[in-house]
N, C-alpha and C. Protein backbone atom coordinates (compact mmCIF):
# COMPACT_ATOMS: atom_id res chain seq x y z
N VAL A 1 -36.54 -19.56 -26.31
CA VAL A 1 -37.16 -19.50 -27.69
C VAL A 1 -37.90 -18.15 -27.85
N PHE A 2 -37.38 -17.29 -29.10
CA PHE A 2 -38.65 -16.04 -29.51
C PHE A 2 -38.45 -15.82 -30.77
N GLY A 3 -39.57 -15.75 -31.41
CA GLY A 3 -39.85 -15.65 -33.07
C GLY A 3 -38.96 -16.61 -33.69
N ALA A 4 -38.67 -18.17 -33.24
CA ALA A 4 -38.37 -19.09 -34.34
C ALA A 4 -39.14 -19.85 -34.95
N THR A 5 -38.69 -20.76 -35.84
CA THR A 5 -39.56 -21.81 -36.65
C THR A 5 -38.65 -22.69 -36.49
N ILE A 6 -39.24 -24.19 -35.75
CA ILE A 6 -38.14 -25.34 -35.57
C ILE A 6 -39.08 -26.30 -36.11
N SER A 7 -38.46 -27.07 -36.89
CA SER A 7 -38.75 -28.24 -37.66
C SER A 7 -38.21 -29.31 -37.83
N ASN A 8 -38.81 -30.50 -38.20
CA ASN A 8 -37.64 -31.89 -38.20
C ASN A 8 -36.37 -32.31 -37.66
N LEU A 9 -37.06 -31.72 -36.36
CA LEU A 9 -36.11 -32.48 -35.21
C LEU A 9 -36.36 -33.96 -34.30
N THR A 10 -35.49 -34.83 -34.13
CA THR A 10 -35.69 -35.72 -33.17
C THR A 10 -34.94 -35.82 -31.91
N PHE A 11 -35.45 -36.29 -30.88
CA PHE A 11 -34.51 -36.24 -29.57
C PHE A 11 -34.64 -37.40 -29.17
N ASN A 12 -33.74 -38.66 -28.96
CA ASN A 12 -33.87 -39.72 -28.66
C ASN A 12 -33.28 -39.90 -26.91
N THR A 13 -34.32 -40.45 -26.05
CA THR A 13 -33.64 -40.65 -24.90
C THR A 13 -33.32 -39.54 -24.10
N PRO A 14 -33.92 -38.04 -24.14
CA PRO A 14 -33.19 -37.11 -23.38
C PRO A 14 -33.50 -37.35 -21.76
N THR A 15 -33.16 -36.89 -21.02
CA THR A 15 -32.84 -37.09 -19.57
C THR A 15 -33.01 -35.41 -19.10
N LEU A 16 -34.06 -34.93 -18.45
CA LEU A 16 -33.91 -33.35 -18.03
C LEU A 16 -33.96 -33.29 -16.34
N LYS A 17 -33.59 -32.57 -15.61
CA LYS A 17 -34.13 -32.12 -14.39
C LYS A 17 -34.29 -30.83 -14.03
N GLY A 18 -35.42 -30.21 -13.50
CA GLY A 18 -35.14 -28.95 -13.12
C GLY A 18 -36.85 -28.75 -12.79
N TYR A 19 -36.93 -27.39 -12.49
CA TYR A 19 -38.11 -26.95 -11.56
C TYR A 19 -39.21 -25.89 -11.97
N TYR A 20 -38.77 -25.17 -12.93
CA TYR A 20 -39.39 -23.86 -13.62
C TYR A 20 -39.33 -23.82 -15.12
N ASN A 21 -40.11 -23.55 -16.14
CA ASN A 21 -40.19 -23.75 -17.55
C ASN A 21 -39.11 -24.69 -17.77
N VAL A 22 -39.23 -26.12 -18.03
CA VAL A 22 -38.93 -27.22 -18.38
C VAL A 22 -39.47 -27.80 -19.60
N GLY A 23 -38.66 -27.89 -20.47
CA GLY A 23 -39.12 -28.48 -22.04
C GLY A 23 -37.91 -29.47 -22.67
N THR A 24 -38.01 -30.36 -23.29
CA THR A 24 -37.13 -31.06 -24.17
C THR A 24 -36.42 -29.91 -25.39
N LEU A 25 -37.64 -29.31 -25.98
CA LEU A 25 -37.09 -28.45 -26.95
C LEU A 25 -36.63 -26.89 -26.54
N ALA A 26 -37.87 -26.66 -25.50
CA ALA A 26 -37.68 -25.09 -25.08
C ALA A 26 -38.49 -25.28 -23.58
N GLY A 27 -37.66 -24.58 -22.66
CA GLY A 27 -38.26 -24.69 -21.78
C GLY A 27 -39.45 -23.50 -21.81
N TYR A 28 -39.16 -22.32 -22.61
CA TYR A 28 -39.95 -21.08 -22.75
C TYR A 28 -40.00 -20.81 -24.26
N ALA A 29 -41.37 -20.60 -24.84
CA ALA A 29 -40.83 -20.52 -26.06
C ALA A 29 -42.08 -19.15 -26.55
N ASP A 30 -41.60 -18.11 -27.36
CA ASP A 30 -42.70 -17.13 -27.85
C ASP A 30 -42.63 -16.88 -28.78
N LYS A 31 -43.50 -16.70 -29.72
CA LYS A 31 -44.12 -16.48 -30.92
C LYS A 31 -43.00 -17.34 -31.77
N THR A 32 -43.65 -18.85 -31.64
CA THR A 32 -42.81 -19.70 -32.25
C THR A 32 -43.65 -20.78 -33.04
N ASN A 33 -42.84 -21.33 -33.84
CA ASN A 33 -43.61 -22.21 -35.08
C ASN A 33 -42.86 -23.60 -34.65
N ILE A 34 -43.73 -24.44 -34.55
CA ILE A 34 -43.26 -26.17 -34.37
C ILE A 34 -43.65 -26.93 -35.05
N ASP A 35 -42.97 -27.74 -35.88
CA ASP A 35 -43.37 -28.46 -36.69
C ASP A 35 -42.72 -29.82 -36.93
N ASN A 36 -43.28 -30.95 -36.90
CA ASN A 36 -42.45 -32.40 -36.95
C ASN A 36 -41.03 -32.36 -35.98
N VAL A 37 -41.53 -32.30 -34.61
CA VAL A 37 -40.58 -32.41 -33.81
C VAL A 37 -41.05 -34.01 -33.06
N ASP A 38 -40.19 -34.71 -33.12
CA ASP A 38 -40.47 -35.89 -32.18
C ASP A 38 -39.06 -36.49 -31.10
N VAL A 39 -40.19 -36.37 -30.06
CA VAL A 39 -39.34 -36.95 -28.77
C VAL A 39 -39.51 -38.50 -28.38
N THR A 40 -38.39 -39.06 -28.14
CA THR A 40 -38.51 -40.38 -27.72
C THR A 40 -37.95 -41.07 -26.42
N ASN A 41 -38.70 -41.57 -25.38
CA ASN A 41 -38.37 -42.08 -24.24
C ASN A 41 -37.62 -41.06 -23.80
N LEU A 42 -38.30 -40.03 -23.37
CA LEU A 42 -37.73 -38.97 -22.33
C LEU A 42 -37.79 -39.26 -20.85
N SER A 43 -37.25 -38.59 -20.31
CA SER A 43 -37.51 -38.86 -18.66
C SER A 43 -37.25 -37.17 -18.03
N ILE A 44 -38.06 -36.81 -17.38
CA ILE A 44 -37.89 -35.56 -16.91
C ILE A 44 -38.52 -35.52 -15.47
N THR A 45 -37.87 -34.91 -14.48
CA THR A 45 -38.12 -35.29 -13.24
C THR A 45 -37.73 -33.53 -12.66
N GLY A 46 -38.98 -32.98 -12.02
CA GLY A 46 -38.98 -31.94 -11.32
C GLY A 46 -37.84 -31.98 -9.86
N ASP A 47 -37.66 -30.78 -9.73
CA ASP A 47 -36.79 -30.59 -8.45
C ASP A 47 -37.58 -30.77 -7.35
N SER A 48 -37.39 -31.79 -6.64
CA SER A 48 -38.49 -32.18 -5.21
C SER A 48 -38.02 -31.26 -4.34
N THR A 49 -37.21 -30.07 -4.34
CA THR A 49 -36.97 -29.42 -3.16
C THR A 49 -37.66 -28.22 -3.67
N LEU A 50 -37.97 -27.98 -4.67
CA LEU A 50 -39.03 -26.64 -5.24
C LEU A 50 -39.95 -27.17 -5.74
N ALA A 51 -41.32 -26.09 -5.74
CA ALA A 51 -42.44 -26.15 -6.61
C ALA A 51 -42.02 -26.04 -7.85
N SER A 52 -42.57 -27.08 -8.86
CA SER A 52 -42.12 -27.14 -10.21
C SER A 52 -43.28 -26.26 -10.83
N ASP A 53 -42.85 -25.66 -11.80
CA ASP A 53 -43.98 -24.86 -12.70
C ASP A 53 -43.76 -25.04 -13.91
N LYS A 54 -45.03 -25.17 -15.07
CA LYS A 54 -44.46 -25.09 -16.29
C LYS A 54 -43.26 -26.41 -17.07
N ILE A 55 -43.77 -27.73 -16.61
CA ILE A 55 -43.07 -28.83 -17.56
C ILE A 55 -43.89 -29.37 -18.16
N GLY A 56 -43.16 -29.71 -19.52
CA GLY A 56 -43.94 -30.41 -20.51
C GLY A 56 -42.64 -31.13 -21.67
N GLY A 57 -43.06 -32.09 -21.97
CA GLY A 57 -42.40 -32.87 -22.47
C GLY A 57 -41.64 -32.05 -23.78
N LEU A 58 -42.23 -31.45 -24.56
CA LEU A 58 -41.61 -30.75 -25.69
C LEU A 58 -41.21 -29.28 -25.40
N VAL A 59 -42.41 -28.99 -24.54
CA VAL A 59 -42.43 -27.12 -24.47
C VAL A 59 -42.91 -27.14 -22.90
N GLY A 60 -42.10 -26.44 -22.09
CA GLY A 60 -42.78 -26.06 -20.79
C GLY A 60 -43.74 -24.89 -20.88
N TYR A 61 -43.37 -23.81 -21.17
CA TYR A 61 -44.07 -22.29 -21.32
C TYR A 61 -44.26 -22.15 -22.75
N ASN A 62 -45.44 -22.54 -23.44
CA ASN A 62 -45.35 -22.09 -24.86
C ASN A 62 -46.67 -20.76 -25.21
N LYS A 63 -45.91 -19.74 -25.51
CA LYS A 63 -47.08 -18.47 -25.58
C LYS A 63 -46.89 -17.78 -26.88
N VAL A 64 -47.89 -16.88 -26.72
CA VAL A 64 -47.74 -15.86 -27.71
C VAL A 64 -48.05 -14.14 -27.03
N SER A 65 -46.93 -13.50 -27.26
CA SER A 65 -46.95 -12.29 -26.43
C SER A 65 -47.69 -11.42 -27.39
N THR A 66 -47.57 -11.09 -28.64
CA THR A 66 -48.28 -10.29 -29.32
C THR A 66 -48.47 -11.09 -30.78
N GLY A 67 -49.48 -10.72 -31.79
CA GLY A 67 -49.93 -11.31 -33.07
C GLY A 67 -50.76 -12.25 -32.43
N SER A 68 -50.65 -13.07 -33.87
CA SER A 68 -51.31 -14.55 -33.66
C SER A 68 -51.01 -15.43 -34.97
N GLY A 69 -51.39 -16.81 -34.87
CA GLY A 69 -51.24 -17.38 -36.29
C GLY A 69 -50.24 -18.65 -35.92
N TYR A 70 -49.85 -18.61 -34.98
CA TYR A 70 -48.84 -19.49 -34.39
C TYR A 70 -49.24 -20.84 -34.22
N THR A 71 -48.31 -22.14 -34.37
CA THR A 71 -48.93 -23.28 -34.51
C THR A 71 -47.49 -24.16 -33.61
N LEU A 72 -48.23 -25.45 -33.38
CA LEU A 72 -47.32 -26.50 -32.88
C LEU A 72 -47.94 -27.89 -33.51
N GLN A 73 -47.50 -28.44 -34.66
CA GLN A 73 -47.91 -29.49 -35.26
C GLN A 73 -46.99 -30.66 -35.49
N ASN A 74 -47.82 -31.72 -35.72
CA ASN A 74 -47.21 -32.93 -36.42
C ASN A 74 -45.90 -33.42 -35.40
N SER A 75 -45.94 -33.17 -33.84
CA SER A 75 -44.92 -33.46 -33.19
C SER A 75 -45.32 -34.43 -32.32
N GLN A 76 -44.53 -35.56 -31.60
CA GLN A 76 -45.02 -36.85 -30.62
C GLN A 76 -43.90 -36.82 -29.56
N VAL A 77 -44.60 -37.39 -28.48
CA VAL A 77 -43.28 -37.22 -27.39
C VAL A 77 -44.08 -38.70 -26.84
N SER A 78 -42.70 -39.33 -26.46
CA SER A 78 -43.23 -40.62 -25.33
C SER A 78 -41.91 -40.46 -24.32
N GLY A 79 -42.33 -41.34 -23.12
CA GLY A 79 -41.45 -41.33 -21.99
C GLY A 79 -42.40 -41.06 -20.56
N THR A 80 -41.52 -40.63 -19.47
CA THR A 80 -42.17 -40.24 -18.19
C THR A 80 -42.17 -38.78 -17.87
N ILE A 81 -42.90 -38.35 -17.39
CA ILE A 81 -42.59 -37.12 -16.51
C ILE A 81 -42.98 -36.81 -14.99
N THR A 82 -42.37 -36.70 -14.00
CA THR A 82 -42.52 -36.56 -12.64
C THR A 82 -42.62 -35.10 -11.86
N GLY A 83 -43.26 -34.47 -11.80
CA GLY A 83 -42.82 -33.28 -11.35
C GLY A 83 -43.60 -32.72 -10.19
N ALA A 84 -43.57 -31.57 -9.33
CA ALA A 84 -43.99 -31.23 -8.13
C ALA A 84 -44.87 -30.17 -8.11
N GLY A 85 -45.18 -30.00 -9.09
CA GLY A 85 -46.26 -28.58 -8.75
C GLY A 85 -47.03 -28.26 -10.14
N SER A 86 -47.25 -27.26 -10.74
CA SER A 86 -48.58 -27.04 -11.81
C SER A 86 -47.80 -26.68 -12.88
N TYR A 87 -48.97 -27.45 -13.81
CA TYR A 87 -48.66 -26.65 -15.09
C TYR A 87 -47.68 -27.90 -15.81
N VAL A 88 -47.92 -29.33 -15.48
CA VAL A 88 -47.25 -30.17 -15.76
C VAL A 88 -48.17 -31.05 -17.23
N ALA A 89 -47.47 -31.83 -18.16
CA ALA A 89 -48.26 -32.52 -19.31
C ALA A 89 -47.14 -33.16 -20.00
N GLY A 90 -47.62 -33.88 -20.81
CA GLY A 90 -46.92 -34.90 -21.75
C GLY A 90 -46.16 -33.91 -23.08
N LEU A 91 -46.82 -32.97 -23.33
CA LEU A 91 -46.49 -32.15 -25.03
C LEU A 91 -46.08 -30.74 -24.18
N VAL A 92 -47.16 -30.02 -23.55
CA VAL A 92 -46.97 -28.55 -23.67
C VAL A 92 -47.45 -28.30 -21.83
N GLY A 93 -46.58 -27.69 -21.04
CA GLY A 93 -47.09 -27.39 -19.68
C GLY A 93 -48.32 -26.19 -19.56
N ASN A 94 -47.82 -25.44 -20.14
CA ASN A 94 -48.92 -24.35 -20.24
C ASN A 94 -49.01 -23.76 -21.84
N ASN A 95 -49.95 -23.90 -22.50
CA ASN A 95 -50.01 -23.50 -23.97
C ASN A 95 -50.94 -22.27 -23.76
N ASP A 96 -50.12 -21.41 -24.55
CA ASP A 96 -51.37 -19.87 -24.35
C ASP A 96 -51.21 -19.31 -26.19
N GLN A 97 -52.54 -19.65 -26.85
CA GLN A 97 -52.55 -19.11 -28.05
C GLN A 97 -51.84 -19.62 -28.96
N VAL A 98 -51.52 -20.85 -28.88
CA VAL A 98 -50.61 -21.78 -29.99
C VAL A 98 -51.44 -22.89 -30.58
N ALA A 99 -51.91 -22.96 -31.78
CA ALA A 99 -53.22 -23.88 -32.12
C ALA A 99 -51.88 -25.32 -32.15
N ILE A 100 -52.64 -26.13 -31.74
CA ILE A 100 -52.18 -27.63 -31.64
C ILE A 100 -53.02 -28.68 -32.48
N SER A 101 -52.00 -29.04 -33.62
CA SER A 101 -52.94 -30.17 -34.46
C SER A 101 -51.84 -31.31 -34.71
N ASN A 102 -52.61 -32.62 -35.27
CA ASN A 102 -51.92 -33.49 -35.65
C ASN A 102 -50.27 -33.93 -34.51
N SER A 103 -50.42 -33.70 -33.27
CA SER A 103 -49.98 -34.29 -32.38
C SER A 103 -50.46 -34.85 -31.20
N SER A 104 -49.19 -35.90 -30.69
CA SER A 104 -49.52 -36.73 -29.65
C SER A 104 -48.67 -37.10 -28.59
N ALA A 105 -49.10 -37.37 -27.30
CA ALA A 105 -48.18 -37.84 -26.41
C ALA A 105 -48.64 -39.28 -25.79
N ASN A 106 -47.13 -40.01 -25.37
CA ASN A 106 -47.37 -41.24 -24.87
C ASN A 106 -46.56 -40.86 -23.35
N VAL A 107 -47.10 -40.28 -22.56
CA VAL A 107 -46.16 -39.91 -21.63
C VAL A 107 -47.20 -40.55 -19.96
N ALA A 108 -46.14 -40.64 -19.43
CA ALA A 108 -46.83 -41.29 -17.96
C ALA A 108 -46.38 -39.87 -17.17
N VAL A 109 -47.69 -39.05 -17.12
CA VAL A 109 -47.45 -38.00 -16.06
C VAL A 109 -47.56 -38.05 -14.76
N THR A 110 -46.82 -37.58 -13.86
CA THR A 110 -47.12 -37.54 -12.60
C THR A 110 -46.79 -36.07 -11.61
N SER A 111 -47.77 -35.35 -11.25
CA SER A 111 -47.46 -34.49 -10.29
C SER A 111 -47.75 -34.96 -9.00
N THR A 112 -46.92 -34.35 -7.88
CA THR A 112 -47.19 -34.46 -6.52
C THR A 112 -47.89 -33.37 -5.47
N SER A 113 -47.54 -32.45 -6.46
CA SER A 113 -48.46 -31.15 -5.57
C SER A 113 -48.71 -29.99 -7.15
N GLY A 114 -49.57 -29.28 -7.00
CA GLY A 114 -49.88 -28.37 -7.83
C GLY A 114 -51.11 -28.88 -8.47
N ASP A 115 -51.56 -28.01 -9.32
CA ASP A 115 -52.87 -28.22 -10.53
C ASP A 115 -52.32 -27.69 -11.92
N ASN A 116 -53.48 -28.23 -13.07
CA ASN A 116 -53.38 -28.22 -14.22
C ASN A 116 -52.57 -29.26 -14.70
N ILE A 117 -53.14 -30.42 -14.68
CA ILE A 117 -51.94 -31.65 -15.11
C ILE A 117 -52.73 -32.11 -15.90
N GLY A 118 -51.98 -32.41 -17.41
CA GLY A 118 -52.56 -33.22 -18.22
C GLY A 118 -51.66 -34.05 -18.98
N GLY A 119 -52.59 -34.54 -19.57
CA GLY A 119 -51.57 -35.68 -20.74
C GLY A 119 -51.02 -35.38 -21.73
N LEU A 120 -51.90 -34.31 -22.66
CA LEU A 120 -51.18 -33.54 -23.58
C LEU A 120 -51.22 -32.21 -23.18
N VAL A 121 -51.55 -31.45 -22.83
CA VAL A 121 -51.58 -30.13 -21.93
C VAL A 121 -52.24 -29.98 -20.69
N GLY A 122 -51.33 -28.93 -20.10
CA GLY A 122 -51.73 -28.68 -18.39
C GLY A 122 -53.15 -28.02 -18.48
N TYR A 123 -52.56 -26.51 -18.84
CA TYR A 123 -53.13 -25.37 -19.09
C TYR A 123 -53.35 -24.99 -20.26
N ASN A 124 -54.45 -25.03 -20.77
CA ASN A 124 -54.62 -24.74 -22.28
C ASN A 124 -55.59 -23.33 -22.49
N ASN A 125 -54.99 -22.03 -23.22
CA ASN A 125 -55.76 -20.83 -23.36
C ASN A 125 -55.91 -20.13 -24.78
N LEU A 126 -56.91 -20.32 -24.96
CA LEU A 126 -56.76 -19.48 -26.52
C LEU A 126 -56.26 -20.02 -27.48
N ALA A 127 -56.51 -21.30 -27.32
CA ALA A 127 -55.44 -22.18 -28.62
C ALA A 127 -56.23 -23.58 -28.89
N ASN A 128 -56.39 -23.38 -29.90
CA ASN A 128 -57.44 -24.84 -30.30
C ASN A 128 -56.25 -26.46 -30.86
N ILE A 129 -57.11 -27.03 -30.06
CA ILE A 129 -56.63 -28.29 -30.24
C ILE A 129 -57.14 -29.31 -31.26
N THR A 130 -56.51 -29.86 -32.25
CA THR A 130 -57.09 -30.88 -33.43
C THR A 130 -56.72 -31.98 -33.82
N ASN A 131 -57.12 -32.86 -33.48
CA ASN A 131 -56.59 -34.26 -34.41
C ASN A 131 -55.55 -34.83 -33.53
N SER A 132 -55.34 -34.52 -32.37
CA SER A 132 -54.06 -34.67 -31.00
C SER A 132 -54.96 -35.83 -30.25
N SER A 133 -53.90 -36.53 -29.53
CA SER A 133 -54.23 -37.59 -28.54
C SER A 133 -53.00 -37.64 -27.47
N SER A 134 -53.70 -38.24 -26.49
CA SER A 134 -52.66 -38.53 -25.40
C SER A 134 -53.05 -40.05 -24.74
N THR A 135 -51.95 -40.66 -24.52
CA THR A 135 -52.55 -42.58 -24.19
C THR A 135 -51.49 -42.72 -22.76
N GLY A 136 -51.07 -41.87 -22.08
CA GLY A 136 -50.26 -41.91 -20.74
C GLY A 136 -51.19 -41.79 -19.98
N ASN A 137 -51.01 -42.41 -18.70
CA ASN A 137 -51.76 -42.50 -17.54
C ASN A 137 -51.22 -41.01 -16.80
N VAL A 138 -52.16 -40.17 -16.16
CA VAL A 138 -51.80 -39.09 -15.56
C VAL A 138 -52.53 -39.28 -14.20
N THR A 139 -51.37 -39.06 -13.22
CA THR A 139 -51.79 -39.33 -11.55
C THR A 139 -51.64 -38.05 -11.07
N ALA A 140 -52.11 -37.18 -10.38
CA ALA A 140 -52.10 -36.61 -9.51
C ALA A 140 -53.09 -36.57 -8.44
N THR A 141 -52.82 -37.30 -7.41
CA THR A 141 -53.38 -37.53 -6.28
C THR A 141 -53.29 -36.49 -5.66
N GLY A 142 -54.81 -36.20 -5.19
CA GLY A 142 -54.80 -34.63 -4.16
C GLY A 142 -55.04 -33.65 -5.12
N ARG A 143 -55.04 -33.80 -6.42
CA ARG A 143 -55.04 -32.40 -6.93
C ARG A 143 -55.96 -32.23 -7.81
N SER A 144 -56.19 -30.79 -8.13
CA SER A 144 -57.35 -30.51 -9.36
C SER A 144 -56.77 -30.01 -10.75
N TYR A 145 -58.12 -29.79 -11.24
CA TYR A 145 -58.09 -29.44 -12.96
C TYR A 145 -56.96 -30.78 -13.51
N VAL A 146 -57.46 -32.03 -13.28
CA VAL A 146 -56.23 -33.19 -13.81
C VAL A 146 -57.22 -33.68 -15.24
N GLY A 147 -56.78 -33.84 -16.15
CA GLY A 147 -57.25 -34.29 -17.54
C GLY A 147 -56.50 -35.13 -18.28
N GLY A 148 -57.23 -36.46 -18.72
CA GLY A 148 -56.15 -37.06 -19.38
C GLY A 148 -55.81 -36.43 -21.07
N LEU A 149 -56.20 -35.44 -21.61
CA LEU A 149 -55.71 -34.86 -22.30
C LEU A 149 -55.34 -33.21 -22.01
N VAL A 150 -56.23 -32.62 -21.74
CA VAL A 150 -55.94 -31.23 -20.88
C VAL A 150 -56.70 -30.99 -19.57
N GLY A 151 -55.81 -30.74 -18.92
CA GLY A 151 -55.96 -30.50 -17.50
C GLY A 151 -57.35 -28.97 -17.03
N GLN A 152 -57.08 -28.07 -17.62
CA GLN A 152 -57.77 -26.87 -17.91
C GLN A 152 -57.87 -26.20 -19.52
N ASN A 153 -59.25 -26.09 -19.86
CA ASN A 153 -59.28 -25.64 -21.02
C ASN A 153 -60.07 -24.32 -21.10
N THR A 154 -59.52 -23.26 -21.50
CA THR A 154 -60.12 -22.09 -21.51
C THR A 154 -60.32 -21.25 -22.79
N SER A 155 -61.40 -20.85 -23.24
CA SER A 155 -61.68 -19.96 -24.47
C SER A 155 -60.96 -20.81 -25.74
N SER A 156 -61.18 -21.95 -25.76
CA SER A 156 -60.50 -23.17 -26.84
C SER A 156 -61.58 -24.06 -27.36
N THR A 157 -61.15 -24.53 -28.40
CA THR A 157 -61.87 -25.84 -29.17
C THR A 157 -61.17 -26.73 -29.27
N ILE A 158 -61.57 -27.75 -28.70
CA ILE A 158 -61.04 -29.25 -29.12
C ILE A 158 -61.65 -30.07 -29.87
N SER A 159 -60.83 -30.55 -30.79
CA SER A 159 -61.73 -31.20 -32.08
C SER A 159 -61.13 -32.65 -32.42
N ASN A 160 -61.73 -33.63 -32.62
CA ASN A 160 -61.15 -35.13 -32.96
C ASN A 160 -60.14 -35.16 -32.38
N SER A 161 -60.23 -35.26 -31.30
CA SER A 161 -59.09 -35.94 -30.27
C SER A 161 -59.65 -36.64 -29.28
N PHE A 162 -58.39 -37.30 -28.83
CA PHE A 162 -58.31 -38.68 -27.71
C PHE A 162 -57.60 -38.32 -26.61
N ALA A 163 -58.20 -39.37 -25.50
CA ALA A 163 -57.26 -39.64 -24.61
C ALA A 163 -57.58 -41.18 -24.11
N THR A 164 -56.44 -41.80 -23.71
CA THR A 164 -56.87 -43.45 -23.32
C THR A 164 -56.50 -43.81 -22.12
N GLY A 165 -55.62 -42.70 -21.39
CA GLY A 165 -54.96 -42.97 -20.03
C GLY A 165 -55.92 -42.98 -18.74
N LYS A 166 -55.18 -43.71 -17.70
CA LYS A 166 -56.22 -43.69 -16.44
C LYS A 166 -55.71 -42.17 -15.79
N ILE A 167 -56.82 -41.61 -14.99
CA ILE A 167 -56.56 -40.21 -14.70
C ILE A 167 -56.72 -40.61 -13.26
N ILE A 168 -55.59 -40.06 -12.23
CA ILE A 168 -56.09 -39.59 -10.83
C ILE A 168 -56.20 -38.21 -10.37
N GLY A 169 -57.05 -38.01 -9.59
CA GLY A 169 -56.81 -36.48 -9.24
C GLY A 169 -57.75 -36.27 -8.11
N ALA A 170 -58.22 -35.23 -8.16
CA ALA A 170 -59.20 -34.96 -6.56
C ALA A 170 -60.45 -34.25 -6.97
N SER A 171 -60.47 -33.25 -7.75
CA SER A 171 -61.14 -32.39 -8.32
C SER A 171 -60.97 -31.86 -9.66
N ASN A 172 -62.49 -31.69 -9.99
CA ASN A 172 -61.99 -31.06 -11.27
C ASN A 172 -61.11 -31.89 -12.41
N ILE A 173 -61.99 -33.30 -12.41
CA ILE A 173 -60.77 -34.19 -13.68
C ILE A 173 -61.70 -35.03 -14.23
N GLY A 174 -61.05 -35.31 -15.46
CA GLY A 174 -61.98 -35.93 -16.20
C GLY A 174 -61.03 -36.86 -17.06
N GLY A 175 -61.84 -37.72 -18.08
CA GLY A 175 -61.01 -38.66 -18.82
C GLY A 175 -60.16 -37.70 -20.18
N LEU A 176 -60.98 -36.74 -20.39
CA LEU A 176 -60.63 -35.99 -21.71
C LEU A 176 -59.91 -34.79 -21.08
N ILE A 177 -61.03 -33.89 -20.24
CA ILE A 177 -60.86 -32.66 -19.87
C ILE A 177 -61.10 -32.38 -18.40
N GLY A 178 -59.95 -31.78 -17.64
CA GLY A 178 -60.32 -31.83 -16.31
C GLY A 178 -61.39 -30.87 -15.89
N TYR A 179 -61.05 -29.69 -16.66
CA TYR A 179 -62.17 -28.46 -16.15
C TYR A 179 -62.16 -27.58 -17.69
N ASN A 180 -63.48 -27.68 -18.33
CA ASN A 180 -63.46 -26.99 -19.60
C ASN A 180 -64.60 -25.85 -19.40
N THR A 181 -63.93 -24.38 -19.39
CA THR A 181 -64.73 -23.21 -19.12
C THR A 181 -66.03 -23.25 -20.16
N THR A 182 -66.88 -22.50 -19.56
CA THR A 182 -68.04 -21.97 -20.34
C THR A 182 -67.82 -21.91 -21.85
N SER A 183 -66.83 -21.11 -22.25
CA SER A 183 -66.25 -20.24 -23.30
C SER A 183 -65.65 -21.24 -24.10
N SER A 184 -65.59 -22.50 -24.06
CA SER A 184 -64.79 -23.61 -24.30
C SER A 184 -65.67 -24.48 -25.36
N THR A 185 -65.30 -25.18 -26.41
CA THR A 185 -66.23 -26.57 -27.08
C THR A 185 -65.34 -27.56 -27.01
N VAL A 186 -66.15 -28.28 -27.44
CA VAL A 186 -65.46 -30.01 -27.71
C VAL A 186 -66.40 -30.62 -28.87
N ASN A 187 -65.74 -31.30 -29.70
CA ASN A 187 -66.07 -31.49 -30.79
C ASN A 187 -65.50 -32.95 -31.26
N GLY A 188 -66.28 -34.09 -31.43
CA GLY A 188 -65.84 -35.11 -31.84
C GLY A 188 -64.77 -35.39 -31.33
N SER A 189 -64.72 -35.60 -30.08
CA SER A 189 -63.31 -36.29 -28.91
C SER A 189 -64.05 -37.11 -28.14
N TYR A 190 -63.04 -37.65 -27.76
CA TYR A 190 -63.23 -38.78 -26.62
C TYR A 190 -62.46 -39.30 -25.42
N ALA A 191 -62.72 -39.81 -24.39
CA ALA A 191 -61.74 -40.62 -23.44
C ALA A 191 -62.26 -41.95 -23.42
N THR A 192 -61.36 -43.10 -22.94
CA THR A 192 -61.66 -44.46 -22.81
C THR A 192 -61.27 -44.79 -21.49
N GLY A 193 -60.27 -43.70 -20.97
CA GLY A 193 -59.71 -44.32 -19.64
C GLY A 193 -60.07 -44.07 -18.29
N ASP A 194 -59.79 -44.94 -17.65
CA ASP A 194 -60.78 -45.16 -16.05
C ASP A 194 -60.44 -43.53 -15.43
N VAL A 195 -61.51 -43.28 -14.61
CA VAL A 195 -60.90 -41.62 -14.04
C VAL A 195 -61.45 -42.18 -12.61
N GLU A 196 -60.16 -42.02 -11.67
CA GLU A 196 -60.28 -42.51 -10.06
C GLU A 196 -60.12 -40.78 -9.00
N ALA A 197 -61.25 -40.26 -8.12
CA ALA A 197 -61.13 -39.69 -7.16
C ALA A 197 -60.58 -39.73 -6.06
N THR A 198 -59.46 -38.98 -5.74
CA THR A 198 -58.60 -39.42 -4.45
C THR A 198 -59.09 -38.24 -3.29
């Protein structure tokens, strides 16, 4: 998807299988505004024969190649995702420069290989997250950059957001964020889930 505005959609019980840029709404979205899209009871399975990359319940890879001001808002996802690689999350696998607000994921996320695994976003870069949440467990045994809300947060601010799921990973893991860079800030946000290092 390129240069689109997408709003007011509902997906019920979608089932997907793939390994690269996989998402219920879009595997790859560039310069796209998303508003009020709900995905209920999804099931996404990464191809076990290939290393998965950029899998999200809504969008696999959400980016802005040029310009600014693009948003993903008022959207929800529930279900399960089982990947076999990096950038795997309940809402967006890899989010680059798209602000996220008033959105949530209740998704059980599992990745058997790869890093940057999150309940809401796997890897978040130059994109603020506000009033958003994740309530699913995140399981990435032996992996790095694993977080209840965001796996890795770079040059971004997270505000008034929370995560409640149990987190399992190896290094750079956290109930809210697996790894938060020094150029990133967190305000008014919290996590309540157990964190287990493997």
